[in-house]
Amino acid sequence: MTRRTRTTPAQPKIEQQNTVAVARKAQVKVKAKAKTTSRPMPEPAPLPSPTTPKVPSGKLGTLLGRIGNPAGAGIDELADATGWQAHTIRAAFSRLRQRGFPIALVTDTDGRKAYRLEAKEG
């Protein structure tokens, strides 16, 4: 039986790059300067106007409709209306707050916790 040995392919030759010595003998590669052309900078996108956000449709619209009542709506009522779990409803409220809807969790005098839309100030 003869023993086979693996042969490694020839390593490609690596060209030396220019280096510059800096403090503590660390080496830094010198980069070639790219050719720059002067182009006009694009104008920044306009900021959104501080108007009332667009009311979404579907289940998010259902959530906003239920909490828009003066009494608000509890998490169980909202879960029954949408078929979502409680953590999904809370996540939806988080996203709606980011869109600009003033949603607040309020505890009534009888101990009932309800989500409500607050009136925007200003």
PDB file of N, CA and C in Angstrom:
ATOM      1  N   MET A   1       0.827  -1.164   0.000  1.00  0.00           N
ATOM      2  CA  MET A   1       0.000   0.000   0.000  1.00  0.00           C
ATOM      3  C   MET A   1       0.882   1.242   0.000  1.00  0.00           C
ATOM      4  N   THR A   2       0.440   2.155  -0.776  1.00  0.00           N
ATOM      5  CA  THR A   2       1.202   3.393  -0.814  1.00  0.00           C
ATOM      6  C   THR A   2       0.432   4.475  -0.077  1.00  0.00           C
ATOM      7  N   ARG A   3       1.149   5.270   0.542  1.00  0.00           N
ATOM      8  CA  ARG A   3       0.550   6.342   1.328  1.00  0.00           C
ATOM      9  C   ARG A   3       0.452   7.607   0.472  1.00  0.00           C
ATOM     10  N   ARG A   4      -0.761   8.162   0.462  1.00  0.00           N
ATOM     11  CA  ARG A   4      -0.950   9.385  -0.296  1.00  0.00           C
ATOM     12  C   ARG A   4      -0.687  10.585   0.604  1.00  0.00           C
ATOM     13  N   THR A   5      -0.028  11.529   0.071  1.00  0.00           N
ATOM     14  CA  THR A   5       0.194  12.756   0.823  1.00  0.00           C
ATOM     15  C   THR A   5      -0.510  13.896   0.101  1.00  0.00           C
ATOM     16  N   ARG A   6      -1.002  14.774   0.880  1.00  0.00           N
ATOM     17  CA  ARG A   6      -1.666  15.946   0.300  1.00  0.00           C
ATOM     18  C   ARG A   6      -0.627  16.939  -0.141  1.00  0.00           C
ATOM     19  N   THR A   7      -0.865  17.479  -1.270  1.00  0.00           N
ATOM     20  CA  THR A   7       0.011  18.541  -1.734  1.00  0.00           C
ATOM     21  C   THR A   7      -0.761  19.848  -1.617  1.00  0.00           C
ATOM     22  N   THR A   8      -0.122  20.833  -1.096  1.00  0.00           N
ATOM     23  CA  THR A   8      -0.772  22.124  -0.959  1.00  0.00           C
ATOM     24  C   THR A   8      -0.525  22.929  -2.224  1.00  0.00           C
ATOM     25  N   PRO A   9      -1.539  23.668  -2.644  1.00  0.00           N
ATOM     26  CA  PRO A   9      -1.321  24.486  -3.843  1.00  0.00           C
ATOM     27  C   PRO A   9      -0.328  25.597  -3.536  1.00  0.00           C
ATOM     28  N   ALA A  10       0.326  26.048  -4.557  1.00  0.00           N
ATOM     29  CA  ALA A  10       1.327  27.109  -4.383  1.00  0.00           C
ATOM     30  C   ALA A  10       0.639  28.376  -3.887  1.00  0.00           C
ATOM     31  N   GLN A  11       1.235  29.003  -2.893  1.00  0.00           N
ATOM     32  CA  GLN A  11       0.690  30.229  -2.338  1.00  0.00           C
ATOM     33  C   GLN A  11       0.913  31.370  -3.336  1.00  0.00           C
ATOM     34  N   PRO A  12      -0.110  32.212  -3.520  1.00  0.00           N
ATOM     35  CA  PRO A  12       0.100  33.353  -4.416  1.00  0.00           C
ATOM     36  C   PRO A  12       1.083  34.329  -3.779  1.00  0.00           C
ATOM     37  N   LYS A  13       1.804  35.001  -4.613  1.00  0.00           N
ATOM     38  CA  LYS A  13       2.780  35.962  -4.101  1.00  0.00           C
ATOM     39  C   LYS A  13       2.041  37.212  -3.649  1.00  0.00           C
ATOM     40  N   ILE A  14       2.357  37.659  -2.468  1.00  0.00           N
ATOM     41  CA  ILE A  14       1.730  38.849  -1.899  1.00  0.00           C
ATOM     42  C   ILE A  14       2.698  40.000  -2.041  1.00  0.00           C
ATOM     43  N   GLU A  15       2.194  41.055  -2.661  1.00  0.00           N
ATOM     44  CA  GLU A  15       3.055  42.220  -2.849  1.00  0.00           C
ATOM     45  C   GLU A  15       3.147  43.014  -1.552  1.00  0.00           C
ATOM     46  N   GLN A  16       4.301  43.568  -1.319  1.00  0.00           N
ATOM     47  CA  GLN A  16       4.512  44.382  -0.132  1.00  0.00           C
ATOM     48  C   GLN A  16       3.774  45.711  -0.297  1.00  0.00           C
ATOM     49  N   GLN A  17       3.105  46.156   0.789  1.00  0.00           N
ATOM     50  CA  GLN A  17       2.446  47.453   0.769  1.00  0.00           C
ATOM     51  C   GLN A  17       3.302  48.439   1.534  1.00  0.00           C
ATOM     52  N   ASN A  18       3.190  49.692   1.157  1.00  0.00           N
ATOM     53  CA  ASN A  18       3.943  50.733   1.852  1.00  0.00           C
ATOM     54  C   ASN A  18       3.419  50.854   3.273  1.00  0.00           C
ATOM     55  N   THR A  19       4.312  50.974   4.218  1.00  0.00           N
ATOM     56  CA  THR A  19       3.931  51.158   5.610  1.00  0.00           C
ATOM     57  C   THR A  19       4.671  52.353   6.174  1.00  0.00           C
ATOM     58  N   VAL A  20       4.076  52.949   7.187  1.00  0.00           N
ATOM     59  CA  VAL A  20       4.678  54.093   7.851  1.00  0.00           C
ATOM     60  C   VAL A  20       4.804  53.751   9.329  1.00  0.00           C
ATOM     61  N   ALA A  21       5.973  53.970   9.898  1.00  0.00           N
ATOM     62  CA  ALA A  21       6.180  53.666  11.307  1.00  0.00           C
ATOM     63  C   ALA A  21       5.593  54.788  12.148  1.00  0.00           C
ATOM     64  N   VAL A  22       4.896  54.418  13.205  1.00  0.00           N
ATOM     65  CA  VAL A  22       4.349  55.396  14.134  1.00  0.00           C
ATOM     66  C   VAL A  22       4.786  55.027  15.535  1.00  0.00           C
ATOM     67  N   ALA A  23       4.286  55.739  16.527  1.00  0.00           N
ATOM     68  CA  ALA A  23       4.703  55.526  17.914  1.00  0.00           C
ATOM     69  C   ALA A  23       4.557  54.065  18.321  1.00  0.00           C
ATOM     70  N   ARG A  24       5.456  53.618  19.165  1.00  0.00           N
ATOM     71  CA  ARG A  24       5.511  52.256  19.714  1.00  0.00           C
ATOM     72  C   ARG A  24       5.659  51.190  18.636  1.00  0.00           C
ATOM     73  N   LYS A  25       6.270  51.524  17.573  1.00  0.00           N
ATOM     74  CA  LYS A  25       6.616  50.601  16.504  1.00  0.00           C
ATOM     75  C   LYS A  25       5.405  49.929  15.852  1.00  0.00           C
ATOM     76  N   ALA A  26       4.244  50.534  15.961  1.00  0.00           N
ATOM     77  CA  ALA A  26       3.064  49.985  15.282  1.00  0.00           C
ATOM     78  C   ALA A  26       3.140  50.373  13.820  1.00  0.00           C
ATOM     79  N   GLN A  27       2.657  49.530  12.967  1.00  0.00           N
ATOM     80  CA  GLN A  27       2.691  49.778  11.539  1.00  0.00           C
ATOM     81  C   GLN A  27       1.295  50.163  11.062  1.00  0.00           C
ATOM     82  N   VAL A  28       1.215  51.172  10.227  1.00  0.00           N
ATOM     83  CA  VAL A  28      -0.046  51.630   9.666  1.00  0.00           C
ATOM     84  C   VAL A  28       0.081  51.581   8.160  1.00  0.00           C
ATOM     85  N   LYS A  29      -0.921  51.015   7.502  1.00  0.00           N
ATOM     86  CA  LYS A  29      -0.893  50.944   6.046  1.00  0.00           C
ATOM     87  C   LYS A  29      -1.220  52.304   5.461  1.00  0.00           C
ATOM     88  N   VAL A  30      -0.514  52.654   4.430  1.00  0.00           N
ATOM     89  CA  VAL A  30      -0.749  53.913   3.746  1.00  0.00           C
ATOM     90  C   VAL A  30      -1.766  53.651   2.646  1.00  0.00           C
ATOM     91  N   LYS A  31      -2.842  54.413   2.688  1.00  0.00           N
ATOM     92  CA  LYS A  31      -3.889  54.234   1.686  1.00  0.00           C
ATOM     93  C   LYS A  31      -3.646  55.222   0.551  1.00  0.00           C
ATOM     94  N   ALA A  32      -3.914  54.767  -0.636  1.00  0.00           N
ATOM     95  CA  ALA A  32      -3.805  55.657  -1.784  1.00  0.00           C
ATOM     96  C   ALA A  32      -5.003  56.588  -1.776  1.00  0.00           C
ATOM     97  N   LYS A  33      -4.776  57.845  -2.073  1.00  0.00           N
ATOM     98  CA  LYS A  33      -5.863  58.810  -2.077  1.00  0.00           C
ATOM     99  C   LYS A  33      -6.714  58.583  -3.314  1.00  0.00           C
ATOM    100  N   ALA A  34      -8.018  58.508  -3.082  1.00  0.00           N
ATOM    101  CA  ALA A  34      -8.941  58.337  -4.194  1.00  0.00           C
ATOM    102  C   ALA A  34      -9.192  59.689  -4.830  1.00  0.00           C
ATOM    103  N   LYS A  35      -9.450  59.657  -6.103  1.00  0.00           N
ATOM    104  CA  LYS A  35      -9.741  60.887  -6.814  1.00  0.00           C
ATOM    105  C   LYS A  35     -11.116  61.365  -6.390  1.00  0.00           C
ATOM    106  N   THR A  36     -11.212  62.595  -5.973  1.00  0.00           N
ATOM    107  CA  THR A  36     -12.500  63.120  -5.541  1.00  0.00           C
ATOM    108  C   THR A  36     -13.008  64.103  -6.574  1.00  0.00           C
ATOM    109  N   THR A  37     -14.295  64.032  -6.788  1.00  0.00           N
ATOM    110  CA  THR A  37     -14.927  64.993  -7.675  1.00  0.00           C
ATOM    111  C   THR A  37     -15.881  65.805  -6.837  1.00  0.00           C
ATOM    112  N   SER A  38     -15.997  67.059  -7.156  1.00  0.00           N
ATOM    113  CA  SER A  38     -16.886  67.906  -6.367  1.00  0.00           C
ATOM    114  C   SER A  38     -18.288  67.819  -6.955  1.00  0.00           C
ATOM    115  N   ARG A  39     -19.182  67.218  -6.180  1.00  0.00           N
ATOM    116  CA  ARG A  39     -20.581  67.122  -6.567  1.00  0.00           C
ATOM    117  C   ARG A  39     -21.395  67.917  -5.570  1.00  0.00           C
ATOM    118  N   PRO A  40     -22.481  68.489  -6.003  1.00  0.00           N
ATOM    119  CA  PRO A  40     -23.323  69.206  -5.036  1.00  0.00           C
ATOM    120  C   PRO A  40     -23.955  68.224  -4.063  1.00  0.00           C
ATOM    121  N   MET A  41     -24.019  68.632  -2.818  1.00  0.00           N
ATOM    122  CA  MET A  41     -24.617  67.781  -1.786  1.00  0.00           C
ATOM    123  C   MET A  41     -26.127  67.746  -1.982  1.00  0.00           C
ATOM    124  N   PRO A  42     -26.743  66.584  -1.809  1.00  0.00           N
ATOM    125  CA  PRO A  42     -28.201  66.523  -1.934  1.00  0.00           C
ATOM    126  C   PRO A  42     -28.858  67.271  -0.776  1.00  0.00           C
ATOM    127  N   GLU A  43     -30.009  67.850  -1.056  1.00  0.00           N
ATOM    128  CA  GLU A  43     -30.714  68.576  -0.016  1.00  0.00           C
ATOM    129  C   GLU A  43     -31.332  67.590   0.968  1.00  0.00           C
ATOM    130  N   PRO A  44     -31.309  67.923   2.270  1.00  0.00           N
ATOM    131  CA  PRO A  44     -31.891  67.005   3.255  1.00  0.00           C
ATOM    132  C   PRO A  44     -33.393  66.896   3.064  1.00  0.00           C
ATOM    133  N   ALA A  45     -33.932  65.748   3.452  1.00  0.00           N
ATOM    134  CA  ALA A  45     -35.367  65.512   3.334  1.00  0.00           C
ATOM    135  C   ALA A  45     -36.104  66.453   4.284  1.00  0.00           C
ATOM    136  N   PRO A  46     -37.254  66.943   3.869  1.00  0.00           N
ATOM    137  CA  PRO A  46     -37.999  67.843   4.753  1.00  0.00           C
ATOM    138  C   PRO A  46     -38.524  67.097   5.973  1.00  0.00           C
ATOM    139  N   LEU A  47     -38.570  67.806   7.091  1.00  0.00           N
ATOM    140  CA  LEU A  47     -39.076  67.207   8.318  1.00  0.00           C
ATOM    141  C   LEU A  47     -40.593  67.073   8.233  1.00  0.00           C
ATOM    142  N   PRO A  48     -41.160  66.033   8.843  1.00  0.00           N
ATOM    143  CA  PRO A  48     -42.606  65.886   8.799  1.00  0.00           C
ATOM    144  C   PRO A  48     -43.290  67.025   9.556  1.00  0.00           C
ATOM    145  N   SER A  49     -44.420  67.428   9.044  1.00  0.00           N
ATOM    146  CA  SER A  49     -45.140  68.522   9.683  1.00  0.00           C
ATOM    147  C   SER A  49     -45.789  68.037  10.973  1.00  0.00           C
ATOM    148  N   PRO A  50     -45.915  68.900  11.969  1.00  0.00           N
ATOM    149  CA  PRO A  50     -46.474  68.485  13.253  1.00  0.00           C
ATOM    150  C   PRO A  50     -48.008  68.424  13.223  1.00  0.00           C
ATOM    151  N   THR A  51     -48.548  67.690  12.270  1.00  0.00           N
ATOM    152  CA  THR A  51     -49.994  67.543  12.168  1.00  0.00           C
ATOM    153  C   THR A  51     -50.414  66.240  12.815  1.00  0.00           C
ATOM    154  N   THR A  52     -51.693  66.020  12.864  1.00  0.00           N
ATOM    155  CA  THR A  52     -52.216  64.792  13.425  1.00  0.00           C
ATOM    156  C   THR A  52     -51.808  63.625  12.526  1.00  0.00           C
ATOM    157  N   PRO A  53     -51.288  62.549  13.104  1.00  0.00           N
ATOM    158  CA  PRO A  53     -50.865  61.423  12.283  1.00  0.00           C
ATOM    159  C   PRO A  53     -52.056  60.752  11.613  1.00  0.00           C
ATOM    160  N   LYS A  54     -51.799  60.107  10.497  1.00  0.00           N
ATOM    161  CA  LYS A  54     -52.834  59.409   9.744  1.00  0.00           C
ATOM    162  C   LYS A  54     -53.295  58.197  10.539  1.00  0.00           C
ATOM    163  N   VAL A  55     -54.605  58.056  10.674  1.00  0.00           N
ATOM    164  CA  VAL A  55     -55.169  56.943  11.434  1.00  0.00           C
ATOM    165  C   VAL A  55     -55.078  55.684  10.579  1.00  0.00           C
ATOM    166  N   PRO A  56     -54.426  54.633  11.095  1.00  0.00           N
ATOM    167  CA  PRO A  56     -54.292  53.407  10.316  1.00  0.00           C
ATOM    168  C   PRO A  56     -55.620  52.650  10.244  1.00  0.00           C
ATOM    169  N   SER A  57     -55.700  51.755   9.286  1.00  0.00           N
ATOM    170  CA  SER A  57     -56.895  50.933   9.154  1.00  0.00           C
ATOM    171  C   SER A  57     -56.597  49.534   9.702  1.00  0.00           C
ATOM    172  N   GLY A  58     -57.564  48.660   9.650  1.00  0.00           N
ATOM    173  CA  GLY A  58     -57.375  47.287  10.097  1.00  0.00           C
ATOM    174  C   GLY A  58     -57.415  47.179  11.612  1.00  0.00           C
ATOM    175  N   LYS A  59     -56.614  46.277  12.140  1.00  0.00           N
ATOM    176  CA  LYS A  59     -56.628  46.031  13.581  1.00  0.00           C
ATOM    177  C   LYS A  59     -56.057  47.196  14.380  1.00  0.00           C
ATOM    178  N   LEU A  60     -55.091  47.909  13.812  1.00  0.00           N
ATOM    179  CA  LEU A  60     -54.567  49.083  14.509  1.00  0.00           C
ATOM    180  C   LEU A  60     -55.648  50.158  14.605  1.00  0.00           C
ATOM    181  N   GLY A  61     -56.437  50.288  13.567  1.00  0.00           N
ATOM    182  CA  GLY A  61     -57.553  51.221  13.603  1.00  0.00           C
ATOM    183  C   GLY A  61     -58.591  50.799  14.628  1.00  0.00           C
ATOM    184  N   THR A  62     -58.810  49.489  14.754  1.00  0.00           N
ATOM    185  CA  THR A  62     -59.723  48.972  15.772  1.00  0.00           C
ATOM    186  C   THR A  62     -59.222  49.325  17.166  1.00  0.00           C
ATOM    187  N   LEU A  63     -57.919  49.149  17.399  1.00  0.00           N
ATOM    188  CA  LEU A  63     -57.342  49.500  18.702  1.00  0.00           C
ATOM    189  C   LEU A  63     -57.546  50.980  19.006  1.00  0.00           C
ATOM    190  N   LEU A  64     -57.255  51.831  18.033  1.00  0.00           N
ATOM    191  CA  LEU A  64     -57.394  53.267  18.253  1.00  0.00           C
ATOM    192  C   LEU A  64     -58.848  53.669  18.457  1.00  0.00           C
ATOM    193  N   GLY A  65     -59.755  52.998  17.759  1.00  0.00           N
ATOM    194  CA  GLY A  65     -61.172  53.294  17.939  1.00  0.00           C
ATOM    195  C   GLY A  65     -61.659  52.930  19.329  1.00  0.00           C
ATOM    196  N   ARG A  66     -61.195  51.803  19.840  1.00  0.00           N
ATOM    197  CA  ARG A  66     -61.618  51.368  21.179  1.00  0.00           C
ATOM    198  C   ARG A  66     -61.042  52.243  22.277  1.00  0.00           C
ATOM    199  N   ILE A  67     -59.782  52.644  22.148  1.00  0.00           N
ATOM    200  CA  ILE A  67     -59.187  53.455  23.221  1.00  0.00           C
ATOM    201  C   ILE A  67     -59.540  54.928  23.067  1.00  0.00           C
ATOM    202  N   GLY A  68     -60.172  55.291  21.953  1.00  0.00           N
ATOM    203  CA  GLY A  68     -60.598  56.670  21.756  1.00  0.00           C
ATOM    204  C   GLY A  68     -61.829  57.038  22.559  1.00  0.00           C
ATOM    205  N   ASN A  69     -62.545  56.040  23.093  1.00  0.00           N
ATOM    206  CA  ASN A  69     -63.710  56.312  23.934  1.00  0.00           C
ATOM    207  C   ASN A  69     -63.259  56.977  25.233  1.00  0.00           C
ATOM    208  N   PRO A  70     -64.128  57.779  25.859  1.00  0.00           N
ATOM    209  CA  PRO A  70     -63.732  58.433  27.118  1.00  0.00           C
ATOM    210  C   PRO A  70     -63.364  57.439  28.219  1.00  0.00           C
ATOM    211  N   ALA A  71     -64.000  56.271  28.240  1.00  0.00           N
ATOM    212  CA  ALA A  71     -63.685  55.286  29.273  1.00  0.00           C
ATOM    213  C   ALA A  71     -62.426  54.504  28.944  1.00  0.00           C
ATOM    214  N   GLY A  72     -61.995  54.541  27.675  1.00  0.00           N
ATOM    215  CA  GLY A  72     -60.830  53.768  27.277  1.00  0.00           C
ATOM    216  C   GLY A  72     -61.186  52.302  27.111  1.00  0.00           C
ATOM    217  N   ALA A  73     -60.171  51.452  27.052  1.00  0.00           N
ATOM    218  CA  ALA A  73     -60.396  50.017  26.898  1.00  0.00           C
ATOM    219  C   ALA A  73     -59.294  49.265  27.625  1.00  0.00           C
ATOM    220  N   GLY A  74     -59.690  48.182  28.274  1.00  0.00           N
ATOM    221  CA  GLY A  74     -58.723  47.337  28.967  1.00  0.00           C
ATOM    222  C   GLY A  74     -58.039  46.394  27.996  1.00  0.00           C
ATOM    223  N   ILE A  75     -56.974  45.791  28.450  1.00  0.00           N
ATOM    224  CA  ILE A  75     -56.193  44.907  27.586  1.00  0.00           C
ATOM    225  C   ILE A  75     -57.006  43.680  27.179  1.00  0.00           C
ATOM    226  N   ASP A  76     -57.880  43.187  28.079  1.00  0.00           N
ATOM    227  CA  ASP A  76     -58.704  42.024  27.744  1.00  0.00           C
ATOM    228  C   ASP A  76     -59.726  42.369  26.666  1.00  0.00           C
ATOM    229  N   GLU A  77     -60.315  43.553  26.746  1.00  0.00           N
ATOM    230  CA  GLU A  77     -61.277  43.994  25.736  1.00  0.00           C
ATOM    231  C   GLU A  77     -60.603  44.116  24.372  1.00  0.00           C
ATOM    232  N   LEU A  78     -59.402  44.639  24.365  1.00  0.00           N
ATOM    233  CA  LEU A  78     -58.674  44.804  23.112  1.00  0.00           C
ATOM    234  C   LEU A  78     -58.238  43.460  22.534  1.00  0.00           C
ATOM    235  N   ALA A  79     -57.889  42.519  23.403  1.00  0.00           N
ATOM    236  CA  ALA A  79     -57.510  41.189  22.936  1.00  0.00           C
ATOM    237  C   ALA A  79     -58.700  40.488  22.306  1.00  0.00           C
ATOM    238  N   ASP A  80     -59.891  40.661  22.896  1.00  0.00           N
ATOM    239  CA  ASP A  80     -61.093  40.064  22.317  1.00  0.00           C
ATOM    240  C   ASP A  80     -61.428  40.695  20.973  1.00  0.00           C
ATOM    241  N   ALA A  81     -61.214  41.999  20.846  1.00  0.00           N
ATOM    242  CA  ALA A  81     -61.562  42.707  19.616  1.00  0.00           C
ATOM    243  C   ALA A  81     -60.623  42.361  18.456  1.00  0.00           C
ATOM    244  N   THR A  82     -59.344  42.138  18.762  1.00  0.00           N
ATOM    245  CA  THR A  82     -58.366  41.917  17.691  1.00  0.00           C
ATOM    246  C   THR A  82     -57.943  40.463  17.531  1.00  0.00           C
ATOM    247  N   GLY A  83     -58.077  39.677  18.585  1.00  0.00           N
ATOM    248  CA  GLY A  83     -57.577  38.305  18.526  1.00  0.00           C
ATOM    249  C   GLY A  83     -56.089  38.217  18.825  1.00  0.00           C
ATOM    250  N   TRP A  84     -55.498  39.328  19.239  1.00  0.00           N
ATOM    251  CA  TRP A  84     -54.083  39.361  19.561  1.00  0.00           C
ATOM    252  C   TRP A  84     -53.857  39.035  21.025  1.00  0.00           C
ATOM    253  N   GLN A  85     -52.611  38.650  21.332  1.00  0.00           N
ATOM    254  CA  GLN A  85     -52.237  38.447  22.721  1.00  0.00           C
ATOM    255  C   GLN A  85     -51.866  39.787  23.339  1.00  0.00           C
ATOM    256  N   ALA A  86     -51.820  39.818  24.666  1.00  0.00           N
ATOM    257  CA  ALA A  86     -51.587  41.073  25.383  1.00  0.00           C
ATOM    258  C   ALA A  86     -50.249  41.709  25.008  1.00  0.00           C
ATOM    259  N   HIS A  87     -49.198  40.908  24.878  1.00  0.00           N
ATOM    260  CA  HIS A  87     -47.890  41.493  24.570  1.00  0.00           C
ATOM    261  C   HIS A  87     -47.865  42.083  23.154  1.00  0.00           C
ATOM    262  N   THR A  88     -48.662  41.537  22.252  1.00  0.00           N
ATOM    263  CA  THR A  88     -48.733  42.074  20.896  1.00  0.00           C
ATOM    264  C   THR A  88     -49.448  43.418  20.898  1.00  0.00           C
ATOM    265  N   ILE A  89     -50.471  43.544  21.717  1.00  0.00           N
ATOM    266  CA  ILE A  89     -51.195  44.808  21.821  1.00  0.00           C
ATOM    267  C   ILE A  89     -50.296  45.884  22.402  1.00  0.00           C
ATOM    268  N   ARG A  90     -49.521  45.534  23.431  1.00  0.00           N
ATOM    269  CA  ARG A  90     -48.600  46.512  24.023  1.00  0.00           C
ATOM    270  C   ARG A  90     -47.540  46.947  23.020  1.00  0.00           C
ATOM    271  N   ALA A  91     -47.054  46.004  22.212  1.00  0.00           N
ATOM    272  CA  ALA A  91     -46.065  46.344  21.178  1.00  0.00           C
ATOM    273  C   ALA A  91     -46.686  47.256  20.121  1.00  0.00           C
ATOM    274  N   ALA A  92     -47.941  47.003  19.769  1.00  0.00           N
ATOM    275  CA  ALA A  92     -48.631  47.864  18.801  1.00  0.00           C
ATOM    276  C   ALA A  92     -48.778  49.272  19.358  1.00  0.00           C
ATOM    277  N   PHE A  93     -49.076  49.387  20.647  1.00  0.00           N
ATOM    278  CA  PHE A  93     -49.186  50.706  21.270  1.00  0.00           C
ATOM    279  C   PHE A  93     -47.842  51.423  21.244  1.00  0.00           C
ATOM    280  N   SER A  94     -46.773  50.685  21.438  1.00  0.00           N
ATOM    281  CA  SER A  94     -45.448  51.279  21.396  1.00  0.00           C
ATOM    282  C   SER A  94     -45.175  51.883  20.020  1.00  0.00           C
ATOM    283  N   ARG A  95     -45.523  51.151  18.972  1.00  0.00           N
ATOM    284  CA  ARG A  95     -45.325  51.644  17.613  1.00  0.00           C
ATOM    285  C   ARG A  95     -46.252  52.819  17.300  1.00  0.00           C
ATOM    286  N   LEU A  96     -47.474  52.759  17.801  1.00  0.00           N
ATOM    287  CA  LEU A  96     -48.404  53.866  17.573  1.00  0.00           C
ATOM    288  C   LEU A  96     -47.932  55.130  18.279  1.00  0.00           C
ATOM    289  N   ARG A  97     -47.316  54.971  19.460  1.00  0.00           N
ATOM    290  CA  ARG A  97     -46.752  56.134  20.161  1.00  0.00           C
ATOM    291  C   ARG A  97     -45.634  56.754  19.335  1.00  0.00           C
ATOM    292  N   GLN A  98     -44.813  55.892  18.703  1.00  0.00           N
ATOM    293  CA  GLN A  98     -43.725  56.397  17.867  1.00  0.00           C
ATOM    294  C   GLN A  98     -44.270  57.156  16.666  1.00  0.00           C
ATOM    295  N   ARG A  99     -45.449  56.778  16.195  1.00  0.00           N
ATOM    296  CA  ARG A  99     -46.078  57.473  15.068  1.00  0.00           C
ATOM    297  C   ARG A  99     -46.717  58.791  15.489  1.00  0.00           C
ATOM    298  N   GLY A 100     -46.848  59.027  16.802  1.00  0.00           N
ATOM    299  CA  GLY A 100     -47.370  60.292  17.265  1.00  0.00           C
ATOM    300  C   GLY A 100     -48.715  60.232  17.957  1.00  0.00           C
ATOM    301  N   PHE A 101     -49.242  59.051  18.204  1.00  0.00           N
ATOM    302  CA  PHE A 101     -50.517  58.930  18.907  1.00  0.00           C
ATOM    303  C   PHE A 101     -50.262  58.970  20.411  1.00  0.00           C
ATOM    304  N   PRO A 102     -50.944  59.847  21.148  1.00  0.00           N
ATOM    305  CA  PRO A 102     -50.713  59.979  22.595  1.00  0.00           C
ATOM    306  C   PRO A 102     -51.501  58.940  23.386  1.00  0.00           C
ATOM    307  N   ILE A 103     -50.973  57.745  23.518  1.00  0.00           N
ATOM    308  CA  ILE A 103     -51.646  56.647  24.216  1.00  0.00           C
ATOM    309  C   ILE A 103     -51.118  56.588  25.640  1.00  0.00           C
ATOM    310  N   ALA A 104     -52.043  56.481  26.600  1.00  0.00           N
ATOM    311  CA  ALA A 104     -51.646  56.432  28.006  1.00  0.00           C
ATOM    312  C   ALA A 104     -52.397  55.309  28.707  1.00  0.00           C
ATOM    313  N   LEU A 105     -51.740  54.687  29.669  1.00  0.00           N
ATOM    314  CA  LEU A 105     -52.363  53.690  30.524  1.00  0.00           C
ATOM    315  C   LEU A 105     -52.798  54.403  31.795  1.00  0.00           C
ATOM    316  N   VAL A 106     -54.110  54.390  32.047  1.00  0.00           N
ATOM    317  CA  VAL A 106     -54.678  55.136  33.166  1.00  0.00           C
ATOM    318  C   VAL A 106     -55.362  54.160  34.113  1.00  0.00           C
ATOM    319  N   THR A 107     -55.202  54.363  35.423  1.00  0.00           N
ATOM    320  CA  THR A 107     -55.897  53.566  36.427  1.00  0.00           C
ATOM    321  C   THR A 107     -57.055  54.395  36.969  1.00  0.00           C
ATOM    322  N   ASP A 108     -58.279  53.851  36.840  1.00  0.00           N
ATOM    323  CA  ASP A 108     -59.470  54.540  37.332  1.00  0.00           C
ATOM    324  C   ASP A 108     -59.534  54.448  38.852  1.00  0.00           C
ATOM    325  N   THR A 109     -60.500  55.162  39.422  1.00  0.00           N
ATOM    326  CA  THR A 109     -60.642  55.153  40.884  1.00  0.00           C
ATOM    327  C   THR A 109     -61.069  53.792  41.403  1.00  0.00           C
ATOM    328  N   ASP A 110     -61.741  53.006  40.571  1.00  0.00           N
ATOM    329  CA  ASP A 110     -62.159  51.667  41.012  1.00  0.00           C
ATOM    330  C   ASP A 110     -61.072  50.615  40.790  1.00  0.00           C
ATOM    331  N   GLY A 111     -59.899  51.017  40.320  1.00  0.00           N
ATOM    332  CA  GLY A 111     -58.775  50.096  40.157  1.00  0.00           C
ATOM    333  C   GLY A 111     -58.670  49.505  38.759  1.00  0.00           C
ATOM    334  N   ARG A 112     -59.559  49.863  37.852  1.00  0.00           N
ATOM    335  CA  ARG A 112     -59.529  49.343  36.481  1.00  0.00           C
ATOM    336  C   ARG A 112     -58.456  50.075  35.681  1.00  0.00           C
ATOM    337  N   LYS A 113     -57.608  49.303  35.019  1.00  0.00           N
ATOM    338  CA  LYS A 113     -56.578  49.898  34.165  1.00  0.00           C
ATOM    339  C   LYS A 113     -57.106  49.912  32.741  1.00  0.00           C
ATOM    340  N   ALA A 114     -56.967  51.053  32.100  1.00  0.00           N
ATOM    341  CA  ALA A 114     -57.468  51.203  30.739  1.00  0.00           C
ATOM    342  C   ALA A 114     -56.498  52.047  29.923  1.00  0.00           C
ATOM    343  N   TYR A 115     -56.420  51.732  28.632  1.00  0.00           N
ATOM    344  CA  TYR A 115     -55.637  52.528  27.701  1.00  0.00           C
ATOM    345  C   TYR A 115     -56.556  53.578  27.109  1.00  0.00           C
ATOM    346  N   ARG A 116     -56.051  54.810  26.999  1.00  0.00           N
ATOM    347  CA  ARG A 116     -56.829  55.916  26.468  1.00  0.00           C
ATOM    348  C   ARG A 116     -55.947  56.773  25.560  1.00  0.00           C
ATOM    349  N   LEU A 117     -56.635  57.469  24.654  1.00  0.00           N
ATOM    350  CA  LEU A 117     -55.963  58.495  23.872  1.00  0.00           C
ATOM    351  C   LEU A 117     -56.047  59.796  24.656  1.00  0.00           C
ATOM    352  N   GLU A 118     -54.908  60.419  24.887  1.00  0.00           N
ATOM    353  CA  GLU A 118     -54.897  61.693  25.602  1.00  0.00           C
ATOM    354  C   GLU A 118     -54.970  62.823  24.599  1.00  0.00           C
ATOM    355  N   ALA A 119     -55.508  63.940  25.018  1.00  0.00           N
ATOM    356  CA  ALA A 119     -55.555  65.125  24.163  1.00  0.00           C
ATOM    357  C   ALA A 119     -54.147  65.688  24.057  1.00  0.00           C
ATOM    358  N   LYS A 120     -53.745  66.005  22.837  1.00  0.00           N
ATOM    359  CA  LYS A 120     -52.399  66.575  22.640  1.00  0.00           C
ATOM    360  C   LYS A 120     -52.383  68.015  23.098  1.00  0.00           C
ATOM    361  N   GLU A 121     -51.305  68.375  23.778  1.00  0.00           N
ATOM    362  CA  GLU A 121     -51.142  69.745  24.233  1.00  0.00           C
ATOM    363  C   GLU A 121     -50.422  70.539  23.161  1.00  0.00           C
ATOM    364  N   GLY A 122     -50.773  71.783  23.052  1.00  0.00           N
ATOM    365  CA  GLY A 122     -50.019  72.636  22.149  1.00  0.00           C
ATOM    366  C   GLY A 122     -50.792  72.972  20.989  1.00  0.00           C
TER     367      GLY A 122
END
